[in-house]
Amino acid sequence: MEKNESLICLGKAIRDFRKKENLSQLEFSLVAGISKSYLAELELGRMNPTFLMLKKISSALGISLFELLSFCIED
């Protein structure tokens, strides 16, 4: 998987987990302590988040970092 495809997949995973919790981008950004615009760009696959940011996001989603990242593992 190329870098761009990986970021798009990660963004989709974050969006899907967020929607599963019935949270808008604004609501989730407040819970996660990140800006709504950053979250929007992340969900579109336009941002390459740091490890610490991914930990923050997975914690706010109530899932493990492994669960978040395993969404995009190819078989």
PDB file of N, CA and C in Angstrom:
ATOM      1  N   MET A   1       0.843  -1.177   0.000  1.00  0.00           N
ATOM      2  CA  MET A   1       0.000   0.000   0.000  1.00  0.00           C
ATOM      3  C   MET A   1       0.890   1.243   0.000  1.00  0.00           C
ATOM      4  N   GLU A   2       0.634   2.167  -0.884  1.00  0.00           N
ATOM      5  CA  GLU A   2       1.410   3.399  -0.956  1.00  0.00           C
ATOM      6  C   GLU A   2       1.043   4.329   0.190  1.00  0.00           C
ATOM      7  N   LYS A   3       1.910   5.315   0.424  1.00  0.00           N
ATOM      8  CA  LYS A   3       1.699   6.256   1.521  1.00  0.00           C
ATOM      9  C   LYS A   3       0.334   6.927   1.422  1.00  0.00           C
ATOM     10  N   ASN A   4      -0.006   7.446   0.247  1.00  0.00           N
ATOM     11  CA  ASN A   4      -1.279   8.143   0.091  1.00  0.00           C
ATOM     12  C   ASN A   4      -2.453   7.215   0.360  1.00  0.00           C
ATOM     13  N   GLU A   5      -2.374   5.980  -0.142  1.00  0.00           N
ATOM     14  CA  GLU A   5      -3.444   5.010   0.092  1.00  0.00           C
ATOM     15  C   GLU A   5      -3.559   4.678   1.580  1.00  0.00           C
ATOM     16  N   SER A   6      -2.432   4.594   2.252  1.00  0.00           N
ATOM     17  CA  SER A   6      -2.429   4.304   3.685  1.00  0.00           C
ATOM     18  C   SER A   6      -3.088   5.430   4.474  1.00  0.00           C
ATOM     19  N   LEU A   7      -2.796   6.665   4.105  1.00  0.00           N
ATOM     20  CA  LEU A   7      -3.396   7.803   4.803  1.00  0.00           C
ATOM     21  C   LEU A   7      -4.892   7.881   4.545  1.00  0.00           C
ATOM     22  N   ILE A   8      -5.309   7.560   3.330  1.00  0.00           N
ATOM     23  CA  ILE A   8      -6.742   7.550   3.009  1.00  0.00           C
ATOM     24  C   ILE A   8      -7.447   6.459   3.816  1.00  0.00           C
ATOM     25  N   CYS A   9      -6.822   5.289   3.893  1.00  0.00           N
ATOM     26  CA  CYS A   9      -7.384   4.189   4.670  1.00  0.00           C
ATOM     27  C   CYS A   9      -7.482   4.549   6.153  1.00  0.00           C
ATOM     28  N   LEU A  10      -6.432   5.151   6.684  1.00  0.00           N
ATOM     29  CA  LEU A  10      -6.435   5.575   8.082  1.00  0.00           C
ATOM     30  C   LEU A  10      -7.539   6.599   8.331  1.00  0.00           C
ATOM     31  N   GLY A  11      -7.672   7.561   7.435  1.00  0.00           N
ATOM     32  CA  GLY A  11      -8.729   8.560   7.569  1.00  0.00           C
ATOM     33  C   GLY A  11     -10.106   7.936   7.563  1.00  0.00           C
ATOM     34  N   LYS A  12     -10.309   6.958   6.687  1.00  0.00           N
ATOM     35  CA  LYS A  12     -11.593   6.263   6.622  1.00  0.00           C
ATOM     36  C   LYS A  12     -11.848   5.503   7.918  1.00  0.00           C
ATOM     37  N   ALA A  13     -10.807   4.884   8.467  1.00  0.00           N
ATOM     38  CA  ALA A  13     -10.954   4.159   9.729  1.00  0.00           C
ATOM     39  C   ALA A  13     -11.371   5.103  10.844  1.00  0.00           C
ATOM     40  N   ILE A  14     -10.723   6.252  10.936  1.00  0.00           N
ATOM     41  CA  ILE A  14     -11.062   7.227  11.975  1.00  0.00           C
ATOM     42  C   ILE A  14     -12.499   7.689  11.801  1.00  0.00           C
ATOM     43  N   ARG A  15     -12.869   8.017  10.568  1.00  0.00           N
ATOM     44  CA  ARG A  15     -14.247   8.463  10.289  1.00  0.00           C
ATOM     45  C   ARG A  15     -15.257   7.376  10.659  1.00  0.00           C
ATOM     46  N   ASP A  16     -14.985   6.134  10.259  1.00  0.00           N
ATOM     47  CA  ASP A  16     -15.917   5.040  10.546  1.00  0.00           C
ATOM     48  C   ASP A  16     -16.068   4.801  12.042  1.00  0.00           C
ATOM     49  N   PHE A  17     -14.955   4.797  12.780  1.00  0.00           N
ATOM     50  CA  PHE A  17     -15.028   4.621  14.233  1.00  0.00           C
ATOM     51  C   PHE A  17     -15.758   5.805  14.883  1.00  0.00           C
ATOM     52  N   ARG A  18     -15.501   7.018  14.395  1.00  0.00           N
ATOM     53  CA  ARG A  18     -16.174   8.206  14.943  1.00  0.00           C
ATOM     54  C   ARG A  18     -17.677   8.121  14.711  1.00  0.00           C
ATOM     55  N   LYS A  19     -18.060   7.745  13.505  1.00  0.00           N
ATOM     56  CA  LYS A  19     -19.495   7.643  13.178  1.00  0.00           C
ATOM     57  C   LYS A  19     -20.165   6.526  13.971  1.00  0.00           C
ATOM     58  N   LYS A  20     -19.426   5.464  14.239  1.00  0.00           N
ATOM     59  CA  LYS A  20     -19.958   4.365  15.049  1.00  0.00           C
ATOM     60  C   LYS A  20     -20.340   4.867  16.436  1.00  0.00           C
ATOM     61  N   GLU A  21     -19.617   5.866  16.914  1.00  0.00           N
ATOM     62  CA  GLU A  21     -19.906   6.479  18.218  1.00  0.00           C
ATOM     63  C   GLU A  21     -20.937   7.606  18.105  1.00  0.00           C
ATOM     64  N   ASN A  22     -21.470   7.806  16.901  1.00  0.00           N
ATOM     65  CA  ASN A  22     -22.471   8.860  16.643  1.00  0.00           C
ATOM     66  C   ASN A  22     -21.974  10.252  17.032  1.00  0.00           C
ATOM     67  N   LEU A  23     -20.725  10.530  16.690  1.00  0.00           N
ATOM     68  CA  LEU A  23     -20.143  11.834  17.000  1.00  0.00           C
ATOM     69  C   LEU A  23     -19.909  12.605  15.707  1.00  0.00           C
ATOM     70  N   SER A  24     -20.259  13.875  15.713  1.00  0.00           N
ATOM     71  CA  SER A  24     -19.931  14.746  14.585  1.00  0.00           C
ATOM     72  C   SER A  24     -18.442  15.039  14.644  1.00  0.00           C
ATOM     73  N   GLN A  25     -17.922  15.627  13.576  1.00  0.00           N
ATOM     74  CA  GLN A  25     -16.505  16.016  13.602  1.00  0.00           C
ATOM     75  C   GLN A  25     -16.249  17.015  14.717  1.00  0.00           C
ATOM     76  N   LEU A  26     -17.159  17.945  14.900  1.00  0.00           N
ATOM     77  CA  LEU A  26     -16.975  18.944  15.954  1.00  0.00           C
ATOM     78  C   LEU A  26     -16.979  18.283  17.333  1.00  0.00           C
ATOM     79  N   GLU A  27     -17.950  17.420  17.583  1.00  0.00           N
ATOM     80  CA  GLU A  27     -18.030  16.743  18.878  1.00  0.00           C
ATOM     81  C   GLU A  27     -16.768  15.924  19.147  1.00  0.00           C
ATOM     82  N   PHE A  28     -16.336  15.173  18.135  1.00  0.00           N
ATOM     83  CA  PHE A  28     -15.156  14.337  18.343  1.00  0.00           C
ATOM     84  C   PHE A  28     -13.899  15.174  18.522  1.00  0.00           C
ATOM     85  N   SER A  29     -13.782  16.251  17.760  1.00  0.00           N
ATOM     86  CA  SER A  29     -12.590  17.090  17.889  1.00  0.00           C
ATOM     87  C   SER A  29     -12.487  17.664  19.302  1.00  0.00           C
ATOM     88  N   LEU A  30     -13.624  17.983  19.903  1.00  0.00           N
ATOM     89  CA  LEU A  30     -13.612  18.491  21.276  1.00  0.00           C
ATOM     90  C   LEU A  30     -13.200  17.394  22.259  1.00  0.00           C
ATOM     91  N   VAL A  31     -13.709  16.189  22.064  1.00  0.00           N
ATOM     92  CA  VAL A  31     -13.355  15.060  22.933  1.00  0.00           C
ATOM     93  C   VAL A  31     -11.874  14.724  22.804  1.00  0.00           C
ATOM     94  N   ALA A  32     -11.384  14.721  21.565  1.00  0.00           N
ATOM     95  CA  ALA A  32      -9.990  14.337  21.309  1.00  0.00           C
ATOM     96  C   ALA A  32      -8.997  15.464  21.590  1.00  0.00           C
ATOM     97  N   GLY A  33      -9.487  16.687  21.689  1.00  0.00           N
ATOM     98  CA  GLY A  33      -8.590  17.817  21.924  1.00  0.00           C
ATOM     99  C   GLY A  33      -7.803  18.210  20.689  1.00  0.00           C
ATOM    100  N   ILE A  34      -8.442  18.076  19.523  1.00  0.00           N
ATOM    101  CA  ILE A  34      -7.813  18.482  18.261  1.00  0.00           C
ATOM    102  C   ILE A  34      -8.758  19.423  17.534  1.00  0.00           C
ATOM    103  N   SER A  35      -8.244  20.147  16.573  1.00  0.00           N
ATOM    104  CA  SER A  35      -9.115  21.078  15.851  1.00  0.00           C
ATOM    105  C   SER A  35      -9.998  20.318  14.863  1.00  0.00           C
ATOM    106  N   LYS A  36     -11.167  20.858  14.617  1.00  0.00           N
ATOM    107  CA  LYS A  36     -12.102  20.257  13.670  1.00  0.00           C
ATOM    108  C   LYS A  36     -11.497  20.238  12.272  1.00  0.00           C
ATOM    109  N   SER A  37     -10.788  21.284  11.905  1.00  0.00           N
ATOM    110  CA  SER A  37     -10.190  21.335  10.569  1.00  0.00           C
ATOM    111  C   SER A  37      -9.100  20.268  10.416  1.00  0.00           C
ATOM    112  N   TYR A  38      -8.320  20.028  11.464  1.00  0.00           N
ATOM    113  CA  TYR A  38      -7.300  18.977  11.417  1.00  0.00           C
ATOM    114  C   TYR A  38      -7.969  17.618  11.257  1.00  0.00           C
ATOM    115  N   LEU A  39      -9.034  17.380  12.013  1.00  0.00           N
ATOM    116  CA  LEU A  39      -9.754  16.122  11.922  1.00  0.00           C
ATOM    117  C   LEU A  39     -10.320  15.916  10.523  1.00  0.00           C
ATOM    118  N   ALA A  40     -10.896  16.960   9.951  1.00  0.00           N
ATOM    119  CA  ALA A  40     -11.457  16.856   8.602  1.00  0.00           C
ATOM    120  C   ALA A  40     -10.369  16.482   7.589  1.00  0.00           C
ATOM    121  N   GLU A  41      -9.227  17.126   7.672  1.00  0.00           N
ATOM    122  CA  GLU A  41      -8.118  16.828   6.763  1.00  0.00           C
ATOM    123  C   GLU A  41      -7.591  15.414   6.991  1.00  0.00           C
ATOM    124  N   LEU A  42      -7.553  15.001   8.237  1.00  0.00           N
ATOM    125  CA  LEU A  42      -7.100  13.656   8.584  1.00  0.00           C
ATOM    126  C   LEU A  42      -8.041  12.609   7.993  1.00  0.00           C
ATOM    127  N   GLU A  43      -9.331  12.820   8.134  1.00  0.00           N
ATOM    128  CA  GLU A  43     -10.313  11.869   7.620  1.00  0.00           C
ATOM    129  C   GLU A  43     -10.287  11.793   6.096  1.00  0.00           C
ATOM    130  N   LEU A  44      -9.836  12.840   5.448  1.00  0.00           N
ATOM    131  CA  LEU A  44      -9.721  12.839   3.992  1.00  0.00           C
ATOM    132  C   LEU A  44      -8.389  12.251   3.515  1.00  0.00           C
ATOM    133  N   GLY A  45      -7.521  11.902   4.446  1.00  0.00           N
ATOM    134  CA  GLY A  45      -6.232  11.311   4.088  1.00  0.00           C
ATOM    135  C   GLY A  45      -5.201  12.324   3.658  1.00  0.00           C
ATOM    136  N   ARG A  46      -5.393  13.560   4.052  1.00  0.00           N
ATOM    137  CA  ARG A  46      -4.479  14.635   3.663  1.00  0.00           C
ATOM    138  C   ARG A  46      -3.432  14.956   4.724  1.00  0.00           C
ATOM    139  N   MET A  47      -3.557  14.329   5.884  1.00  0.00           N
ATOM    140  CA  MET A  47      -2.617  14.581   6.976  1.00  0.00           C
ATOM    141  C   MET A  47      -1.912  13.281   7.337  1.00  0.00           C
ATOM    142  N   ASN A  48      -0.677  13.420   7.778  1.00  0.00           N
ATOM    143  CA  ASN A  48       0.110  12.283   8.237  1.00  0.00           C
ATOM    144  C   ASN A  48       0.327  12.475   9.741  1.00  0.00           C
ATOM    145  N   PRO A  49      -0.549  11.899  10.567  1.00  0.00           N
ATOM    146  CA  PRO A  49      -0.485  12.163  12.004  1.00  0.00           C
ATOM    147  C   PRO A  49       0.724  11.531  12.668  1.00  0.00           C
ATOM    148  N   THR A  50       1.157  12.136  13.746  1.00  0.00           N
ATOM    149  CA  THR A  50       2.248  11.587  14.539  1.00  0.00           C
ATOM    150  C   THR A  50       1.736  10.406  15.362  1.00  0.00           C
ATOM    151  N   PHE A  51       2.662   9.662  15.892  1.00  0.00           N
ATOM    152  CA  PHE A  51       2.317   8.548  16.769  1.00  0.00           C
ATOM    153  C   PHE A  51       1.495   9.043  17.962  1.00  0.00           C
ATOM    154  N   LEU A  52       1.940  10.127  18.566  1.00  0.00           N
ATOM    155  CA  LEU A  52       1.221  10.654  19.734  1.00  0.00           C
ATOM    156  C   LEU A  52      -0.190  11.105  19.372  1.00  0.00           C
ATOM    157  N   MET A  53      -0.368  11.668  18.173  1.00  0.00           N
ATOM    158  CA  MET A  53      -1.693  12.066  17.733  1.00  0.00           C
ATOM    159  C   MET A  53      -2.585  10.836  17.540  1.00  0.00           C
ATOM    160  N   LEU A  54      -2.023   9.767  16.979  1.00  0.00           N
ATOM    161  CA  LEU A  54      -2.799   8.538  16.803  1.00  0.00           C
ATOM    162  C   LEU A  54      -3.200   7.942  18.147  1.00  0.00           C
ATOM    163  N   LYS A  55      -2.318   8.009  19.130  1.00  0.00           N
ATOM    164  CA  LYS A  55      -2.653   7.536  20.478  1.00  0.00           C
ATOM    165  C   LYS A  55      -3.793   8.362  21.060  1.00  0.00           C
ATOM    166  N   LYS A  56      -3.733   9.661  20.866  1.00  0.00           N
ATOM    167  CA  LYS A  56      -4.765  10.566  21.365  1.00  0.00           C
ATOM    168  C   LYS A  56      -6.119  10.251  20.713  1.00  0.00           C
ATOM    169  N   ILE A  57      -6.103  10.032  19.420  1.00  0.00           N
ATOM    170  CA  ILE A  57      -7.326   9.745  18.667  1.00  0.00           C
ATOM    171  C   ILE A  57      -7.909   8.391  19.066  1.00  0.00           C
ATOM    172  N   SER A  58      -7.064   7.373  19.151  1.00  0.00           N
ATOM    173  CA  SER A  58      -7.571   6.053  19.521  1.00  0.00           C
ATOM    174  C   SER A  58      -8.136   6.064  20.939  1.00  0.00           C
ATOM    175  N   SER A  59      -7.494   6.791  21.829  1.00  0.00           N
ATOM    176  CA  SER A  59      -7.992   6.908  23.196  1.00  0.00           C
ATOM    177  C   SER A  59      -9.356   7.600  23.215  1.00  0.00           C
ATOM    178  N   ALA A  60      -9.506   8.665  22.447  1.00  0.00           N
ATOM    179  CA  ALA A  60     -10.781   9.382  22.390  1.00  0.00           C
ATOM    180  C   ALA A  60     -11.878   8.519  21.772  1.00  0.00           C
ATOM    181  N   LEU A  61     -11.492   7.597  20.895  1.00  0.00           N
ATOM    182  CA  LEU A  61     -12.466   6.683  20.283  1.00  0.00           C
ATOM    183  C   LEU A  61     -12.782   5.504  21.194  1.00  0.00           C
ATOM    184  N   GLY A  62     -11.978   5.326  22.240  1.00  0.00           N
ATOM    185  CA  GLY A  62     -12.187   4.214  23.165  1.00  0.00           C
ATOM    186  C   GLY A  62     -11.738   2.882  22.588  1.00  0.00           C
ATOM    187  N   ILE A  63     -10.741   2.940  21.690  1.00  0.00           N
ATOM    188  CA  ILE A  63     -10.201   1.726  21.087  1.00  0.00           C
ATOM    189  C   ILE A  63      -8.681   1.737  21.253  1.00  0.00           C
ATOM    190  N   SER A  64      -8.084   0.583  21.034  1.00  0.00           N
ATOM    191  CA  SER A  64      -6.625   0.521  21.117  1.00  0.00           C
ATOM    192  C   SER A  64      -6.015   1.088  19.837  1.00  0.00           C
ATOM    193  N   LEU A  65      -4.777   1.494  19.939  1.00  0.00           N
ATOM    194  CA  LEU A  65      -4.053   1.966  18.769  1.00  0.00           C
ATOM    195  C   LEU A  65      -3.952   0.833  17.743  1.00  0.00           C
ATOM    196  N   PHE A  66      -3.740  -0.376  18.225  1.00  0.00           N
ATOM    197  CA  PHE A  66      -3.670  -1.531  17.335  1.00  0.00           C
ATOM    198  C   PHE A  66      -4.973  -1.691  16.549  1.00  0.00           C
ATOM    199  N   GLU A  67      -6.099  -1.562  17.229  1.00  0.00           N
ATOM    200  CA  GLU A  67      -7.402  -1.703  16.557  1.00  0.00           C
ATOM    201  C   GLU A  67      -7.572  -0.650  15.477  1.00  0.00           C
ATOM    202  N   LEU A  68      -7.159   0.570  15.759  1.00  0.00           N
ATOM    203  CA  LEU A  68      -7.259   1.641  14.782  1.00  0.00           C
ATOM    204  C   LEU A  68      -6.389   1.346  13.559  1.00  0.00           C
ATOM    205  N   LEU A  69      -5.159   0.955  13.803  1.00  0.00           N
ATOM    206  CA  LEU A  69      -4.215   0.722  12.701  1.00  0.00           C
ATOM    207  C   LEU A  69      -4.491  -0.573  11.958  1.00  0.00           C
ATOM    208  N   SER A  70      -5.040  -1.572  12.636  1.00  0.00           N
ATOM    209  CA  SER A  70      -5.288  -2.854  11.982  1.00  0.00           C
ATOM    210  C   SER A  70      -6.387  -2.763  10.936  1.00  0.00           C
ATOM    211  N   PHE A  71      -7.139  -1.691  10.958  1.00  0.00           N
ATOM    212  CA  PHE A  71      -8.192  -1.437   9.967  1.00  0.00           C
ATOM    213  C   PHE A  71      -7.599  -1.431   8.561  1.00  0.00           C
ATOM    214  N   CYS A  72      -6.345  -1.058   8.435  1.00  0.00           N
ATOM    215  CA  CYS A  72      -5.723  -0.895   7.121  1.00  0.00           C
ATOM    216  C   CYS A  72      -4.665  -1.940   6.790  1.00  0.00           C
ATOM    217  N   ILE A  73      -4.584  -2.990   7.573  1.00  0.00           N
ATOM    218  CA  ILE A  73      -3.598  -4.034   7.293  1.00  0.00           C
ATOM    219  C   ILE A  73      -4.103  -4.910   6.160  1.00  0.00           C
ATOM    220  N   GLU A  74      -3.218  -5.080   5.173  1.00  0.00           N
ATOM    221  CA  GLU A  74      -3.556  -5.935   4.036  1.00  0.00           C
ATOM    222  C   GLU A  74      -3.308  -7.392   4.394  1.00  0.00           C
ATOM    223  N   ASP A  75      -4.124  -8.253   3.855  1.00  0.00           N
ATOM    224  CA  ASP A  75      -3.925  -9.702   4.066  1.00  0.00           C
ATOM    225  C   ASP A  75      -2.921 -10.237   3.091  1.00  0.00           C
TER     226      ASP A  75
END
